[in-house]
């Protein structure tokens, strides 16, 4: 099929109607990435599992989805893209029901793996469908709608998960997927159409070696990222060996994709300058999004005494900021250079992260809400246009493969961001504790004054020696709290610097033609 024929294809159904089931599927898939976070302790209690064991409920989902994402183009050719999309939705829906029915940790992990296998195909296919269904001049608007699902769902997830867990029970965070999944599958059968190049093809060969290398690479990488911090990273022999296996498998996977004629993914899309630079920017945004979603509620619960639901509710201003950005990009994407949106968005994202890096323990709710709003605004202004810009210079028949690779790398970015932030909190707290503990000695007048003042207040309740010991212990507790606070501050500042550092990559992005 010629390039001209590829570009000329248009669906017979109105694109805005066609994307209804697509967006339903996207929302429930992305929502499931974070909705279970606040319910994890409840699940662990139900299964009599440890915290480390319960973490596999989250990670097994990411691993399974990561394995399927790069193989989306292959399965789309084998089954036809529309058929594979419906199969993915149905498998995700069935697995969601099995998750809610789970009575032990082993069955739950099995169900989550199935859910990941089903969900892995949803996001890249949905993105490809939305990019192809609309003409280029309306893609900015379409990506605004798509971005609303991708950005808002993980923000709403902790709030909704906390409310459902507190008011009903944790299985319902999975059961709510079932009716929406069924509706999405039925509507997809009726409304979604396949372009000629995305229909079922004959004599499609599977890249068995590539698929094996991919599976080993992602499973070992996710294991290192999830368990590395608890195992003291490379001080643990098994982490060193697992990481070595991951590196070798990763190298073998990419080598096989470059040399194999029937490769699982087509890496030639990285020759496109827009795609390469845009993908790197999206990975950073995704890492910051998921890392901040992990770190901010933790800060509010452990340092400020917020409940799980209230800490999740603090994410709502970020959602409002994202919605504002969606409206702005939808109205102006065809009138203003999209690259300007991305630069402003990254600047807002970096700036709001730096504001979070100046917090203390005497803050009000507004000190959280305002930077959260601007973080959501920056997230929306940067994420939506860069998704459009990164594939703007690709042909329509490259979309399924390109979005598959992009979503795989963004998935890895999310995992790395979440893992690194846990490590940063631990290590930075240790560094600041080491720096501060030197001030807690009898040569420091401020320390002596604090201890004596506290001991004096306690002497009316106990004898002098005990009061002195309790006063010193109280000061050590303050040291731990302050060193932990500084760990959060350093982490937020790193997020900010990282967002600002990728702005120069926009120089490599070509401008979209405005019609």
Protein backbone atom coordinates (compact mmCIF):
# COMPACT_ATOMS: atom_id res chain seq x y z
CA UNK A 1 0.00 0.00 0.00
CA UNK A 2 1.37 3.41 -0.99
CA UNK A 3 2.02 6.20 1.50
CA UNK A 4 -0.65 8.32 -0.18
CA UNK A 5 -3.28 5.60 0.33
CA UNK A 6 -2.21 5.20 3.95
CA UNK A 7 -2.65 8.91 4.65
CA UNK A 8 -6.00 9.12 2.79
CA UNK A 9 -7.85 6.53 4.89
CA UNK A 10 -10.74 7.93 6.92
CA UNK A 11 -13.20 6.04 9.17
CA UNK A 12 -16.83 5.86 8.07
CA UNK A 13 -17.98 6.48 11.66
CA UNK A 14 -17.69 9.96 13.16
CA UNK A 15 -14.30 9.95 14.97
CA UNK A 16 -15.78 11.55 18.11
CA UNK A 17 -18.26 8.69 18.39
CA UNK A 18 -15.65 6.06 17.55
CA UNK A 19 -13.36 7.11 20.40
CA UNK A 20 -16.02 6.73 23.13
CA UNK A 21 -15.21 3.04 23.84
CA UNK A 22 -11.51 3.79 23.34
CA UNK A 23 -11.50 6.41 26.10
CA UNK A 24 -13.51 4.19 28.46
CA UNK A 25 -10.91 1.44 28.03
CA UNK A 26 -8.01 3.90 28.48
CA UNK A 27 -9.47 5.35 31.65
CA UNK A 28 -10.06 2.05 33.47
CA UNK A 29 -6.62 0.74 32.44
CA UNK A 30 -4.69 3.82 33.60
CA UNK A 31 -6.85 4.13 36.73
CA UNK A 32 -5.85 0.61 37.79
CA UNK A 33 -2.19 1.66 37.88
CA UNK A 34 -2.74 3.76 41.03
CA UNK A 35 -6.18 2.92 42.46
CA UNK A 36 -4.79 -0.06 44.39
CA UNK A 37 -1.96 1.84 46.09
CA UNK A 38 -3.94 3.06 49.10
CA UNK A 39 -5.72 -0.31 49.44
CA UNK A 40 -2.48 -2.31 49.51
CA UNK A 41 -2.32 -2.59 53.34
CA UNK A 42 -5.93 -3.80 53.40
CA UNK A 43 -5.18 -6.44 50.76
CA UNK A 44 -2.06 -7.56 52.61
CA UNK A 45 -4.12 -7.94 55.78
CA UNK A 46 -6.79 -9.98 53.98
CA UNK A 47 -4.17 -12.36 52.56
CA UNK A 48 -1.98 -12.46 55.73
CA UNK A 49 0.88 -11.27 53.51
CA UNK A 50 3.91 -9.16 54.36
CA UNK A 51 4.41 -5.68 52.88
CA UNK A 52 7.10 -6.99 50.49
CA UNK A 53 4.82 -9.80 49.32
CA UNK A 54 1.91 -7.41 48.78
CA UNK A 55 4.10 -5.17 46.58
CA UNK A 56 3.98 -7.90 43.94
CA UNK A 57 0.28 -7.10 43.55
CA UNK A 58 1.42 -3.83 41.96
CA UNK A 59 4.59 -4.94 40.22
CA UNK A 60 3.24 -8.11 38.60
CA UNK A 61 0.72 -5.88 36.79
CA UNK A 62 3.47 -3.58 35.48
CA UNK A 63 5.67 -6.49 34.40
CA UNK A 64 2.89 -8.23 32.45
CA UNK A 65 1.77 -4.98 30.78
CA UNK A 66 5.38 -4.16 29.87
CA UNK A 67 5.85 -7.52 28.16
CA UNK A 68 2.74 -7.14 26.01
CA UNK A 69 3.19 -3.47 25.00
CA UNK A 70 6.05 -3.96 22.47
CA UNK A 71 4.30 -7.01 21.00
CA UNK A 72 1.12 -5.04 20.24
CA UNK A 73 2.06 -4.51 16.58
CA UNK A 74 2.68 -8.25 16.12
CA UNK A 75 -0.60 -9.33 17.78
CA UNK A 76 -2.48 -6.67 15.80
CA UNK A 77 -1.21 -8.24 12.58
CA UNK A 78 -2.11 -11.77 13.76
CA UNK A 79 -5.66 -11.02 14.99
CA UNK A 80 -6.40 -7.68 13.34
CA UNK A 81 -5.97 -4.58 15.50
CA UNK A 82 -9.65 -4.12 16.34
CA UNK A 83 -10.00 -7.79 17.33
CA UNK A 84 -6.87 -7.65 19.49
CA UNK A 85 -8.15 -4.46 21.13
CA UNK A 86 -11.43 -6.16 22.06
CA UNK A 87 -9.58 -9.28 23.28
CA UNK A 88 -7.39 -7.04 25.47
CA UNK A 89 -10.43 -5.29 26.99
CA UNK A 90 -12.22 -8.59 27.69
CA UNK A 91 -9.13 -10.17 29.25
CA UNK A 92 -8.60 -7.07 31.40
CA UNK A 93 -12.27 -7.15 32.49
CA UNK A 94 -12.22 -10.87 33.32
CA UNK A 95 -8.97 -10.49 35.25
CA UNK A 96 -10.45 -7.55 37.20
CA UNK A 97 -13.30 -9.79 38.34
CA UNK A 98 -10.81 -12.52 39.35
CA UNK A 99 -8.79 -9.92 41.34
CA UNK A 100 -11.89 -9.02 43.35
CA UNK A 101 -12.60 -12.73 44.01
CA UNK A 102 -9.03 -13.54 45.13
CA UNK A 103 -8.76 -15.26 48.53
CA UNK A 104 -4.96 -15.57 48.74
CA UNK A 105 -1.89 -13.69 47.57
CA UNK A 106 -0.91 -16.31 44.97
CA UNK A 107 -4.26 -16.13 43.15
CA UNK A 108 -4.22 -12.32 43.33
CA UNK A 109 -0.78 -12.14 41.70
CA UNK A 110 -1.94 -14.57 38.98
CA UNK A 111 -5.04 -12.42 38.34
CA UNK A 112 -2.96 -9.23 38.23
CA UNK A 113 -0.61 -10.80 35.67
CA UNK A 114 -3.65 -11.63 33.51
CA UNK A 115 -4.91 -8.08 34.02
CA UNK A 116 -1.53 -6.71 32.89
CA UNK A 117 -1.54 -8.93 29.81
CA UNK A 118 -4.98 -7.59 28.90
CA UNK A 119 -4.25 -3.98 29.76
CA UNK A 120 -0.87 -3.85 28.02
CA UNK A 121 -2.47 -3.65 24.59
CA UNK A 122 -5.09 -1.04 25.46
CA UNK A 123 -3.02 2.15 25.72
CA UNK A 124 -0.84 1.93 22.56
CA UNK A 125 -3.74 0.76 20.38
CA UNK A 126 -6.00 3.49 21.77
CA UNK A 127 -3.37 6.14 21.04
CA UNK A 128 -2.88 4.81 17.50
CA UNK A 129 -6.65 4.70 16.87
CA UNK A 130 -7.11 8.30 18.02
CA UNK A 131 -4.17 9.59 15.98
CA UNK A 132 -5.38 7.86 12.81
CA UNK A 133 -9.10 8.57 13.16
CA UNK A 134 -8.63 12.35 13.01
CA UNK A 135 -7.02 14.44 10.26
CA UNK A 136 -3.71 16.06 11.22
CA UNK A 137 -5.29 19.46 11.84
CA UNK A 138 -7.56 17.96 14.55
CA UNK A 139 -5.01 15.67 16.21
CA UNK A 140 -4.16 18.29 18.83
CA UNK A 141 -7.77 18.30 20.02
CA UNK A 142 -7.92 14.48 19.95
CA UNK A 143 -4.71 14.21 21.98
CA UNK A 144 -6.19 16.65 24.52
CA UNK A 145 -9.05 14.21 25.10
CA UNK A 146 -6.65 11.27 25.20
CA UNK A 147 -4.34 13.13 27.57
CA UNK A 148 -7.24 13.82 29.91
CA UNK A 149 -7.64 10.08 30.46
CA UNK A 150 -3.92 9.38 30.73
CA UNK A 151 -3.18 12.23 33.17
CA UNK A 152 -6.39 12.45 35.23
CA UNK A 153 -6.87 8.72 35.85
CA UNK A 154 -3.69 8.18 37.92
CA UNK A 155 -4.48 11.34 39.91
CA UNK A 156 -8.06 10.26 40.63
CA UNK A 157 -6.96 6.68 41.40
CA UNK A 158 -5.70 7.17 44.99
CA UNK A 159 -8.74 9.32 45.92
CA UNK A 160 -11.26 6.88 44.47
CA UNK A 161 -9.37 3.86 45.84
CA UNK A 162 -9.28 5.37 49.34
CA UNK A 163 -12.99 6.21 49.28
CA UNK A 164 -14.03 2.78 48.00
CA UNK A 165 -11.78 0.96 50.49
CA UNK A 166 -13.08 3.00 53.45
CA UNK A 167 -16.77 2.90 52.50
CA UNK A 168 -17.13 -0.49 50.79
CA UNK A 169 -14.20 -2.92 50.68
CA UNK A 170 -11.06 -3.30 48.58
CA UNK A 171 -12.46 -5.92 46.07
CA UNK A 172 -14.72 -3.19 44.68
CA UNK A 173 -11.76 -1.27 43.31
CA UNK A 174 -11.53 -4.15 40.81
CA UNK A 175 -15.24 -4.95 40.43
CA UNK A 176 -16.00 -1.43 39.17
CA UNK A 177 -13.96 -2.24 36.04
CA UNK A 178 -16.34 -5.03 34.99
CA UNK A 179 -19.38 -3.04 33.75
CA UNK A 180 -17.19 -0.39 32.10
CA UNK A 181 -15.04 -3.07 30.45
CA UNK A 182 -18.11 -4.85 29.04
CA UNK A 183 -19.53 -1.58 27.68
CA UNK A 184 -16.15 -0.70 26.10
CA UNK A 185 -15.89 -4.13 24.41
CA UNK A 186 -19.44 -4.03 23.00
CA UNK A 187 -19.11 -0.45 21.72
CA UNK A 188 -15.67 -1.21 20.24
CA UNK A 189 -17.19 -4.05 18.21
CA UNK A 190 -19.85 -1.69 16.85
CA UNK A 191 -17.91 1.56 16.39
CA UNK A 192 -14.15 0.98 16.01
CA UNK A 193 -12.80 0.42 12.49
CA UNK A 194 -9.48 -0.93 11.25
CA UNK A 195 -7.56 0.88 8.50
CA UNK A 196 -6.49 -1.46 5.66
CA UNK A 197 -2.91 -1.66 6.99
CA UNK A 198 -4.10 -2.63 10.52
CA UNK A 199 -6.25 -5.59 9.49
CA UNK A 200 -5.45 -9.26 9.97
CA UNK A 201 -2.47 -10.38 7.92
CA UNK A 202 -1.39 -13.82 6.75
CA UNK A 203 1.94 -15.56 7.31
CA UNK A 204 2.96 -13.32 10.20
CA UNK A 205 6.01 -14.76 11.93
CA UNK A 206 6.65 -14.36 15.63
CA UNK A 207 10.02 -13.21 16.90
CA UNK A 208 10.37 -15.95 19.52
CA UNK A 209 13.88 -15.03 20.62
CA UNK A 210 13.02 -11.36 20.88
CA UNK A 211 9.94 -12.11 22.96
CA UNK A 212 11.99 -14.34 25.30
CA UNK A 213 14.73 -11.71 25.72
CA UNK A 214 12.08 -9.03 26.32
CA UNK A 215 10.36 -11.11 29.02
CA UNK A 216 13.62 -11.87 30.85
CA UNK A 217 14.76 -8.25 30.58
CA UNK A 218 11.56 -6.73 31.98
CA UNK A 219 10.98 -9.32 34.72
CA UNK A 220 14.55 -8.99 36.06
CA UNK A 221 14.58 -5.19 35.68
CA UNK A 222 11.30 -4.81 37.56
CA UNK A 223 12.54 -7.16 40.29
CA UNK A 224 15.72 -5.09 40.76
CA UNK A 225 13.76 -1.82 40.82
CA UNK A 226 11.18 -3.09 43.30
CA UNK A 227 13.41 -5.03 45.67
CA UNK A 228 16.71 -3.17 45.28
CA UNK A 229 16.15 -0.58 47.98
CA UNK A 230 15.06 -3.10 50.61
CA UNK A 231 18.00 -5.37 49.70
CA UNK A 232 20.52 -2.48 49.94
CA UNK A 233 20.96 -2.48 46.17
CA UNK A 234 24.33 -3.70 44.88
CA UNK A 235 25.52 -4.68 48.33
CA UNK A 236 23.28 -7.73 47.85
CA UNK A 237 24.81 -10.44 45.66
CA UNK A 238 21.47 -11.56 44.23
CA UNK A 239 20.68 -7.98 43.11
CA UNK A 240 24.04 -7.82 41.28
CA UNK A 241 23.34 -11.09 39.45
CA UNK A 242 19.74 -10.17 38.64
CA UNK A 243 20.84 -6.78 37.29
CA UNK A 244 23.57 -8.44 35.19
CA UNK A 245 21.00 -10.83 33.69
CA UNK A 246 18.70 -7.85 33.00
CA UNK A 247 21.46 -5.90 31.21
CA UNK A 248 22.48 -8.89 29.07
CA UNK A 249 18.85 -9.71 28.20
CA UNK A 250 18.19 -6.05 27.32
CA UNK A 251 21.22 -5.90 25.03
CA UNK A 252 20.23 -9.19 23.36
CA UNK A 253 16.66 -7.93 22.89
CA UNK A 254 17.66 -4.70 21.15
CA UNK A 255 20.33 -6.51 19.10
CA UNK A 256 17.74 -9.03 17.93
CA UNK A 257 15.34 -6.24 16.97
CA UNK A 258 18.02 -4.57 14.86
CA UNK A 259 19.19 -7.74 13.09
CA UNK A 260 16.03 -9.87 12.82
CA UNK A 261 13.95 -9.32 9.68
CA UNK A 262 10.73 -10.35 11.49
CA UNK A 263 11.43 -8.38 14.66
CA UNK A 264 8.91 -7.81 17.43
CA UNK A 265 9.27 -4.03 17.14
CA UNK A 266 10.62 -1.77 14.41
CA UNK A 267 13.32 0.48 15.91
CA UNK A 268 13.69 2.45 12.66
CA UNK A 269 11.12 4.96 14.01
CA UNK A 270 13.92 6.37 16.19
CA UNK A 271 15.49 7.78 13.02
CA UNK A 272 12.69 10.34 13.20
CA UNK A 273 14.00 13.34 15.16
CA UNK A 274 10.59 14.34 16.54
CA UNK A 275 9.90 10.82 17.75
CA UNK A 276 13.25 10.34 19.51
CA UNK A 277 13.30 13.69 21.32
CA UNK A 278 9.57 13.53 22.10
CA UNK A 279 9.87 10.04 23.57
CA UNK A 280 12.69 11.09 25.93
CA UNK A 281 10.63 14.06 27.16
CA UNK A 282 7.58 11.84 27.73
CA UNK A 283 9.66 9.33 29.73
CA UNK A 284 10.83 12.13 32.05
CA UNK A 285 7.29 13.52 32.45
CA UNK A 286 5.94 10.03 33.18
CA UNK A 287 8.68 9.34 35.73
CA UNK A 288 8.00 12.65 37.52
CA UNK A 289 4.22 12.05 37.43
CA UNK A 290 4.33 8.61 39.07
CA UNK A 291 7.19 9.46 41.44
CA UNK A 292 5.39 12.57 42.69
CA UNK A 293 2.16 10.58 43.08
CA UNK A 294 4.11 8.22 45.34
CA UNK A 295 6.08 10.82 47.32
CA UNK A 296 3.53 13.59 48.04
CA UNK A 297 0.87 11.45 49.82
CA UNK A 298 3.70 9.79 51.75
CA UNK A 299 4.98 13.21 52.83
CA UNK A 300 1.52 14.32 53.94
CA UNK A 301 0.80 11.10 55.86
CA UNK A 302 4.18 10.57 57.54
CA UNK A 303 5.18 14.21 58.16
CA UNK A 304 1.90 16.13 58.37
CA UNK A 305 -0.40 13.48 59.91
CA UNK A 306 -2.94 13.36 57.04
CA UNK A 307 -5.20 10.32 56.66
CA UNK A 308 -4.91 8.11 53.54
CA UNK A 309 -8.08 9.57 52.04
CA UNK A 310 -7.12 13.20 52.78
CA UNK A 311 -3.63 12.72 51.36
CA UNK A 312 -5.20 11.29 48.21
CA UNK A 313 -7.69 14.17 48.10
CA UNK A 314 -4.81 16.68 48.00
CA UNK A 315 -4.19 15.44 44.44
CA UNK A 316 -7.49 16.95 43.27
CA UNK A 317 -6.05 20.44 42.55
CA UNK A 318 -3.59 18.71 40.25
CA UNK A 319 -6.55 17.21 38.44
CA UNK A 320 -8.18 20.64 38.09
CA UNK A 321 -4.90 21.99 36.73
CA UNK A 322 -4.77 19.18 34.16
CA UNK A 323 -8.36 19.87 33.11
CA UNK A 324 -7.53 23.56 32.65
CA UNK A 325 -4.59 22.55 30.45
CA UNK A 326 -6.83 20.25 28.38
CA UNK A 327 -9.22 23.13 27.65
CA UNK A 328 -6.34 25.45 26.72
CA UNK A 329 -4.67 22.95 24.39
CA UNK A 330 -7.99 21.91 22.82
CA UNK A 331 -8.89 25.51 21.98
CA UNK A 332 -5.47 26.77 20.94
CA UNK A 333 -3.53 23.74 19.65
CA UNK A 334 -4.19 24.68 16.01
CA UNK A 335 -3.49 28.37 16.55
CA UNK A 336 -0.29 28.40 18.63
CA UNK A 337 2.97 26.53 18.08
CA UNK A 338 2.61 23.32 20.13
CA UNK A 339 6.29 23.47 21.05
CA UNK A 340 5.56 26.62 23.09
CA UNK A 341 2.95 24.69 25.10
CA UNK A 342 5.51 21.98 25.92
CA UNK A 343 8.16 24.50 27.01
CA UNK A 344 5.67 26.38 29.23
CA UNK A 345 4.37 23.07 30.62
CA UNK A 346 7.84 21.76 31.49
CA UNK A 347 8.73 25.12 33.08
CA UNK A 348 5.57 25.00 35.23
CA UNK A 349 6.23 21.35 36.11
CA UNK A 350 9.82 22.12 37.10
CA UNK A 351 8.89 25.32 38.94
CA UNK A 352 6.10 23.71 40.99
CA UNK A 353 8.42 20.84 41.92
CA UNK A 354 10.99 23.38 43.13
CA UNK A 355 8.25 25.09 45.19
CA UNK A 356 7.51 21.72 46.82
CA UNK A 357 11.24 21.61 47.49
CA UNK A 358 10.90 24.62 49.82
CA UNK A 359 8.16 23.22 52.09
CA UNK A 360 8.37 22.91 55.86
CA UNK A 361 6.21 21.44 58.61
CA UNK A 362 4.38 24.73 59.34
CA UNK A 363 2.50 24.85 56.03
CA UNK A 364 -1.21 25.22 55.33
CA UNK A 365 -3.35 23.35 52.83
CA UNK A 366 -2.91 26.20 50.33
CA UNK A 367 0.85 25.57 50.30
CA UNK A 368 0.04 22.12 48.90
CA UNK A 369 -2.96 23.00 46.73
CA UNK A 370 -1.46 25.92 44.74
CA UNK A 371 1.77 24.21 43.52
CA UNK A 372 -0.25 21.03 42.92
CA UNK A 373 -2.58 22.97 40.62
CA UNK A 374 0.33 24.39 38.64
CA UNK A 375 1.97 20.95 38.51
CA UNK A 376 -1.23 19.57 36.96
CA UNK A 377 -1.37 22.54 34.58
CA UNK A 378 2.24 21.92 33.52
CA UNK A 379 1.57 18.20 33.18
CA UNK A 380 -1.33 18.82 30.79
CA UNK A 381 0.36 21.57 28.77
CA UNK A 382 3.47 19.45 28.20
CA UNK A 383 2.15 15.89 27.93
CA UNK A 384 -0.66 16.38 25.41
CA UNK A 385 1.21 18.45 22.78
CA UNK A 386 4.39 16.35 23.02
CA UNK A 387 2.37 13.18 22.32
CA UNK A 388 1.12 14.82 19.14
CA UNK A 389 4.48 16.34 18.16
CA UNK A 390 6.42 13.10 18.69
CA UNK A 391 4.42 11.22 16.02
CA UNK A 392 3.54 14.15 13.76
CA UNK A 393 6.18 13.27 11.16
CA UNK A 394 5.44 9.52 11.09
CA UNK A 395 3.17 7.75 8.60
CA UNK A 396 -0.18 6.40 9.82
CA UNK A 397 0.91 2.78 9.27
CA UNK A 398 3.82 3.34 11.69
CA UNK A 399 1.55 4.48 14.52
CA UNK A 400 0.79 1.14 16.18
CA UNK A 401 4.46 0.16 16.35
CA UNK A 402 5.59 3.67 17.38
CA UNK A 403 3.03 4.09 20.15
CA UNK A 404 3.80 0.55 21.38
CA UNK A 405 7.51 1.33 21.80
CA UNK A 406 6.73 4.70 23.34
CA UNK A 407 4.37 3.24 25.92
CA UNK A 408 6.88 0.50 26.80
CA UNK A 409 9.56 3.10 27.53
CA UNK A 410 7.08 5.29 29.46
CA UNK A 411 6.08 2.23 31.50
CA UNK A 412 9.75 1.63 32.34
CA UNK A 413 10.12 5.35 33.13
CA UNK A 414 7.23 5.10 35.61
CA UNK A 415 8.81 2.08 37.30
CA UNK A 416 12.25 3.72 37.49
CA UNK A 417 10.80 6.99 38.82
CA UNK A 418 8.80 5.22 41.54
CA UNK A 419 11.74 3.05 42.54
CA UNK A 420 14.33 5.84 42.52
CA UNK A 421 12.21 8.12 44.66
CA UNK A 422 11.94 5.40 47.33
CA UNK A 423 15.73 5.04 47.27
CA UNK A 424 16.26 8.82 47.33
CA UNK A 425 14.09 9.21 50.42
CA UNK A 426 16.02 6.50 52.26
CA UNK A 427 19.51 7.62 51.22
CA UNK A 428 18.96 11.37 51.55
CA UNK A 429 17.46 10.89 55.03
CA UNK A 430 20.60 8.98 56.03
CA UNK A 431 22.87 11.69 54.61
CA UNK A 432 21.05 14.51 56.43
CA UNK A 433 20.89 12.50 59.63
CA UNK A 434 24.67 12.05 59.46
CA UNK A 435 25.13 15.79 58.84
CA UNK A 436 22.79 16.86 61.65
CA UNK A 437 23.82 14.38 64.33
CA UNK A 438 27.18 16.15 64.69
CA UNK A 439 25.31 19.16 66.11
CA UNK A 440 23.83 17.08 68.94
CA UNK A 441 26.69 17.32 71.43
CA UNK A 442 27.52 19.15 74.66
CA UNK A 443 29.61 21.75 72.79
CA UNK A 444 26.55 23.08 70.95
CA UNK A 445 24.82 25.76 73.11
CA UNK A 446 21.57 25.52 71.11
CA UNK A 447 21.37 21.76 71.70
CA UNK A 448 22.14 22.11 75.43
CA UNK A 449 19.49 24.83 75.78
CA UNK A 450 16.85 22.68 74.03
CA UNK A 451 17.62 19.62 76.15
CA UNK A 452 17.59 21.57 79.41
CA UNK A 453 14.37 23.35 78.51
CA UNK A 454 12.62 20.09 77.63
CA UNK A 455 14.03 18.30 80.68
CA UNK A 456 12.84 21.12 82.92
CA UNK A 457 9.30 20.75 81.58
CA UNK A 458 9.41 16.98 82.14
CA UNK A 459 10.79 17.09 85.69
CA UNK A 460 7.38 17.80 87.14
CA UNK A 461 6.30 14.36 85.91
CA UNK A 462 9.42 12.25 86.58
CA UNK A 463 12.83 12.31 88.26
CA UNK A 464 15.74 14.37 86.88
CA UNK A 465 17.82 11.62 85.25
CA UNK A 466 14.79 10.16 83.44
CA UNK A 467 13.69 13.64 82.34
CA UNK A 468 17.19 14.30 80.96
CA UNK A 469 17.12 11.01 79.00
CA UNK A 470 13.62 11.72 77.66
CA UNK A 471 14.68 15.23 76.61
CA UNK A 472 17.66 13.88 74.65
CA UNK A 473 15.47 11.21 73.04
CA UNK A 474 12.96 13.93 72.09
CA UNK A 475 15.70 15.89 70.35
CA UNK A 476 16.80 12.78 68.48
CA UNK A 477 13.20 12.32 67.30
CA UNK A 478 13.29 15.88 65.97
CA UNK A 479 16.55 15.10 64.17
CA UNK A 480 14.96 12.09 62.45
CA UNK A 481 11.95 14.19 61.45
CA UNK A 482 14.08 17.02 60.07
CA UNK A 483 16.40 14.69 58.15
CA UNK A 484 13.36 12.98 56.60
CA UNK A 485 11.89 16.37 55.70
CA UNK A 486 15.12 17.30 53.94
CA UNK A 487 15.01 14.00 52.03
CA UNK A 488 11.58 14.96 50.67
CA UNK A 489 12.83 18.47 49.84
CA UNK A 490 15.86 17.13 47.94
CA UNK A 491 13.69 14.69 45.98
CA UNK A 492 11.25 17.41 44.90
CA UNK A 493 14.15 19.63 43.84
CA UNK A 494 15.60 16.84 41.69
CA UNK A 495 12.20 16.46 39.97
CA UNK A 496 12.23 20.18 39.23
CA UNK A 497 15.75 20.24 37.82
CA UNK A 498 15.03 17.14 35.71
CA UNK A 499 11.97 18.77 34.09
CA UNK A 500 13.88 21.96 33.33
CA UNK A 501 16.86 19.99 31.97
CA UNK A 502 14.86 18.37 29.13
CA UNK A 503 13.53 21.70 27.80
CA UNK A 504 16.52 22.10 25.39
CA UNK A 505 15.38 18.88 23.64
CA UNK A 506 12.55 20.94 22.18
CA UNK A 507 15.14 22.46 19.82
CA UNK A 508 15.16 19.09 17.99
CA UNK A 509 11.36 19.04 17.55
CA UNK A 510 10.04 20.26 14.22
CA UNK A 511 7.11 22.64 14.20
CA UNK A 512 3.67 21.31 13.26
CA UNK A 513 2.17 22.79 10.12
CA UNK A 514 -0.86 24.88 11.07
CA UNK A 515 -3.69 24.56 8.59
